[in-house]
Amino acid sequence: MIKKGLKDKKVIWYGQRCWKSYTLWLVSALFWIFFGLVFPILFLLGLALFVIISLDKLTSDYWITNKGVYSNRSLHLGKGMEKQDIEDVKSVSIYKGNLGELINFGDVRIGTYGEIKVTFKGVADPDTVVKKIRGLKDNLEVR
């Protein structure tokens, strides 16, 4: 979904937080739902956890455009929006935990002058995302 603030920019990549990044939370929710068959309060807790996970996934949008990188973590553009112009990007790094290494997901951290400005949390195949950002940065420096 392209937000109206990005319409004048060419979108190079779009993504959301992947379901794999919720693996431990989903297992917990299923555990509570399963045991909720015996104890109804646990069922409600598991169901509530599943709803929270789903809302978090649906409200995470990430873009790489020809002008910059954008992360929106809310239903409304502007609230929860992080952005960084591509010419100001000084560092791009990946953080993967043990589970992320195993099933290939992680956080992409984009920074400027020692400060992380934008984070793409829980993206699938973060190496590809980093290559796209570095490619844009390299093309900009060649000009």
Protein backbone atom coordinates (compact mmCIF):
# COMPACT_ATOMS: atom_id res chain seq x y z
CA MET A 1 0.00 0.00 0.00
CA ILE A 2 1.53 3.30 -1.11
CA LYS A 3 0.86 6.17 1.25
CA LYS A 4 0.02 9.58 -0.23
CA GLY A 5 3.26 11.15 1.05
CA LEU A 6 5.28 8.79 -1.16
CA LYS A 7 3.40 9.20 -4.45
CA ASP A 8 5.97 11.57 -6.00
CA LYS A 9 8.81 9.09 -5.37
CA LYS A 10 9.77 5.93 -7.26
CA VAL A 11 9.34 2.94 -4.95
CA ILE A 12 12.30 0.56 -5.26
CA TRP A 13 11.23 -1.87 -2.53
CA TYR A 14 8.20 -2.25 -0.26
CA GLY A 15 7.85 -4.66 2.64
CA GLN A 16 6.23 -5.39 5.95
CA ARG A 17 7.31 -7.22 9.05
CA CYS A 18 7.27 -10.92 8.14
CA TRP A 19 5.29 -13.58 9.98
CA LYS A 20 8.55 -15.45 10.68
CA SER A 21 9.60 -12.65 13.02
CA TYR A 22 6.59 -13.48 15.22
CA THR A 23 7.41 -17.18 15.53
CA LEU A 24 7.91 -17.26 19.31
CA TRP A 25 4.88 -15.03 19.93
CA LEU A 26 2.68 -17.17 17.68
CA VAL A 27 3.79 -20.36 19.42
CA SER A 28 2.94 -18.70 22.75
CA ALA A 29 -0.48 -17.64 21.48
CA LEU A 30 -1.23 -21.15 20.19
CA PHE A 31 -0.07 -22.61 23.52
CA TRP A 32 -2.48 -20.36 25.43
CA ILE A 33 -5.33 -21.06 23.01
CA PHE A 34 -4.74 -24.84 23.24
CA PHE A 35 -4.70 -24.83 27.05
CA GLY A 36 -7.64 -22.45 26.92
CA LEU A 37 -9.80 -25.40 25.95
CA VAL A 38 -9.50 -26.43 29.60
CA PHE A 39 -9.18 -22.98 31.18
CA PRO A 40 -11.27 -20.38 29.28
CA ILE A 41 -9.26 -17.39 30.58
CA LEU A 42 -6.15 -18.79 28.88
CA PHE A 43 -8.08 -19.05 25.62
CA LEU A 44 -8.94 -15.35 25.84
CA LEU A 45 -5.31 -14.45 26.61
CA GLY A 46 -4.10 -16.45 23.60
CA LEU A 47 -6.72 -14.88 21.36
CA ALA A 48 -5.81 -11.39 22.58
CA LEU A 49 -2.12 -12.09 21.91
CA PHE A 50 -2.93 -13.27 18.38
CA VAL A 51 -4.96 -10.08 17.71
CA ILE A 52 -2.09 -7.89 18.99
CA ILE A 53 0.41 -9.74 16.76
CA SER A 54 -1.86 -9.34 13.72
CA LEU A 55 -2.36 -5.61 14.33
CA ASP A 56 1.38 -5.09 14.74
CA LYS A 57 2.04 -6.85 11.43
CA LEU A 58 -0.67 -4.95 9.58
CA THR A 59 0.62 -1.58 10.79
CA SER A 60 4.26 -2.05 9.77
CA ASP A 61 5.13 -0.70 6.33
CA TYR A 62 8.63 -0.14 4.96
CA TRP A 63 9.69 1.58 1.72
CA ILE A 64 12.89 2.23 -0.13
CA THR A 65 12.45 4.93 -2.76
CA ASN A 66 14.79 6.76 -5.08
CA LYS A 67 14.81 9.63 -2.53
CA GLY A 68 15.07 7.83 0.83
CA VAL A 69 13.99 5.12 3.23
CA TYR A 70 10.72 5.19 5.16
CA SER A 71 9.26 3.19 8.02
CA ASN A 72 5.64 3.61 9.11
CA ARG A 73 4.57 1.82 12.28
CA SER A 74 1.01 3.13 12.55
CA LEU A 75 -2.24 3.25 10.62
CA HIS A 76 -1.75 6.94 9.75
CA LEU A 77 1.08 8.41 7.70
CA GLY A 78 3.07 10.76 9.88
CA LYS A 79 2.41 9.14 13.24
CA GLY A 80 5.15 6.60 13.81
CA MET A 81 6.81 7.53 10.49
CA GLU A 82 10.59 7.43 10.35
CA LYS A 83 12.38 8.69 7.25
CA GLN A 84 15.91 9.28 6.05
CA ASP A 85 17.05 10.86 2.79
CA ILE A 86 19.25 8.47 0.83
CA GLU A 87 22.10 11.00 0.53
CA ASP A 88 22.26 11.29 4.34
CA VAL A 89 22.51 7.53 4.94
CA LYS A 90 25.92 6.78 6.44
CA SER A 91 25.45 3.24 7.76
CA VAL A 92 23.26 0.25 7.02
CA SER A 93 23.44 -2.81 9.26
CA ILE A 94 21.54 -6.00 9.97
CA TYR A 95 20.65 -7.47 13.33
CA LYS A 96 19.60 -11.12 13.39
CA GLY A 97 19.09 -13.11 16.55
CA ASN A 98 19.65 -16.87 16.67
CA LEU A 99 16.16 -17.60 15.34
CA GLY A 100 16.59 -14.95 12.64
CA GLU A 101 19.82 -16.60 11.48
CA LEU A 102 18.04 -19.94 11.35
CA ILE A 103 14.96 -18.88 9.34
CA ASN A 104 16.35 -15.73 7.64
CA PHE A 105 14.74 -12.61 9.05
CA GLY A 106 16.11 -9.62 10.91
CA ASP A 107 16.13 -5.90 11.55
CA VAL A 108 17.68 -3.50 9.05
CA ARG A 109 19.09 -0.43 10.80
CA ILE A 110 19.73 2.68 8.76
CA GLY A 111 21.71 5.47 10.36
CA THR A 112 23.47 8.74 9.88
CA TYR A 113 26.49 10.01 11.81
CA GLY A 114 26.43 7.27 14.43
CA GLU A 115 22.70 7.46 15.12
CA ILE A 116 20.08 4.94 13.96
CA LYS A 117 17.32 6.93 12.24
CA VAL A 118 15.17 4.23 10.60
CA THR A 119 14.66 0.58 11.52
CA PHE A 120 12.90 -2.02 9.40
CA LYS A 121 11.93 -4.55 12.11
CA GLY A 122 11.61 -8.24 11.31
CA VAL A 123 11.96 -8.17 7.51
CA ALA A 124 12.39 -11.36 5.54
CA ASP A 125 15.75 -11.64 3.74
CA PRO A 126 17.34 -8.50 5.22
CA ASP A 127 20.49 -9.01 3.12
CA THR A 128 18.54 -8.14 -0.05
CA VAL A 129 17.14 -4.99 1.58
CA VAL A 130 20.64 -3.85 2.59
CA LYS A 131 21.95 -4.49 -0.94
CA LYS A 132 19.17 -2.31 -2.40
CA ILE A 133 19.94 0.57 -0.03
CA ARG A 134 23.69 0.33 -0.61
CA GLY A 135 23.09 0.14 -4.37
CA LEU A 136 21.07 3.36 -4.28
CA LYS A 137 23.73 5.03 -2.13
CA ASP A 138 26.51 3.90 -4.49
CA ASN A 139 24.60 5.17 -7.55
CA LEU A 140 24.14 8.52 -5.84
CA GLU A 141 27.87 8.79 -5.05
CA VAL A 142 28.85 7.95 -8.66
CA ARG A 143 26.87 10.91 -10.03
